[in-house]
Amino acid sequence: MIKDEHSMIKKTVIITGASRGIGKELACFFSSHFNLALVARSENELIKLKDYFDSKQKNTRIIYYAADISNQSQVENMFAYFKKNFNSIDVLINNAGVAGDVGPIDKLELSNYMRAMDVNFYGSLYCIIEAVKTMKKAQSGKIINICGAGVGWDSKAINKSAYISSKYALYGLTESLSRELKQFNIDINCVSPGSYDTNLRNSLVSHEQNLNAPQELSAVGETLGALIEFLISNKSNDITGKILSAIYDTPDKLLNDIDNLKNTSDYTIRKIDKINYFRKKHE
C-alpha cells in the first residue's frame, strides 16, 4: 500500500455501489488503511459487508448508509450522516452504475434509458456536489469516477447507447470540474477498471459477442485498487481531468510520465486542440 506522507491520520473514503462487484472488492482493498463510508441501495447487503469487516477486526472505522444515489435528497442526507461520523471526507469513489436499456435505439424504453443517466451521471453529480462542499473547506480532496467501458469500449459496443452516453457525460463533467476545482487542490479523474465478472458487465455483454473473458473480481486490488490508491495519494497531486486505464496505466508508468500527465492533454479523449490536432490552412 502507498503510505500517505503528510499525516498518520487515516483518510476517509466514500465508495458508492459498495455492496457487490467492483465496489465490494475496493472496500476490501482499502479497509486496512482507510476509514470507509460505504453506500448501496441494499441495506441487508451493507450489513453483511459490515459484519464481515467486523469479524476480521479491522483497525479502522467502517460505516454504511443505504441510499439510491439518483435521489438527491437521499444523497444530501447520506453526506450529512457521514460528516457527523468523520472529521473529514477525503476521497469519493463514484462506482455505482447501471446498464440502462440495451438494444437498438428505436426499440428502447425511454424510462430505462433515463435510469442510466439518473444513476451513472446525476447520481455521481449529486455525490460530487456534496463532497466538494467539504473538500473546499479542507482545501484538498480526491474524486474518482469509474467510467469503465462506457468511455473506453471498442467497436463491439453496439446497442449500449444508454450506458455509454451516461459515462461520456460523466467524463465530460470530470474534465470540466478538473479546471474549476484545481484552485482548491481537489483532483478529479476517471478510471476504466477493465473487464470483470460482474452483474453490470453481464447486463451489457451478450454471450454471442466475441469478447475476451473477464477477469476474476479477486484481481481488482492488483490493478484497479493499485491505480486508485496512487490517485488518492499525495504522489498524484495535480494529476486531474484524466481518463486512466487500470490495465494499461500502472502507477509506475504514470510516475515516469508525470510531466505529460500534469501539463498536456495526454490521457484524455481530447483531439481538437492545438496540441493534438493541427489544421492545415488551404492556400
Foldseek 3Di string as FASTA:
>chain_A
DDDFPPDQDAAEEEFEPQLDFLNVLLCVLCQQRHEYEYEEQDPVSVVVSVVVVVVVVRPHHYYYDHDQLLDLVSLVVSLVVVVVVDVAHAEYELDDFAQFFFDDPVPHDVVSLVVRLSRLAVSLVSNCVSNVVRLLVVLAHEYERELACLDVPDPVQPRRCSNNVNSVNNLVVFLVVCVVSVRSQYAYEYEHEFFEPDPRVPVRDDPPDDDDDGDYSNCSCVFVVQVVVCRSHPVNGQQHSAYYYSVPCGPVNCSVVVCCSRPHCPRHPDAPDPPRDDDDDDD
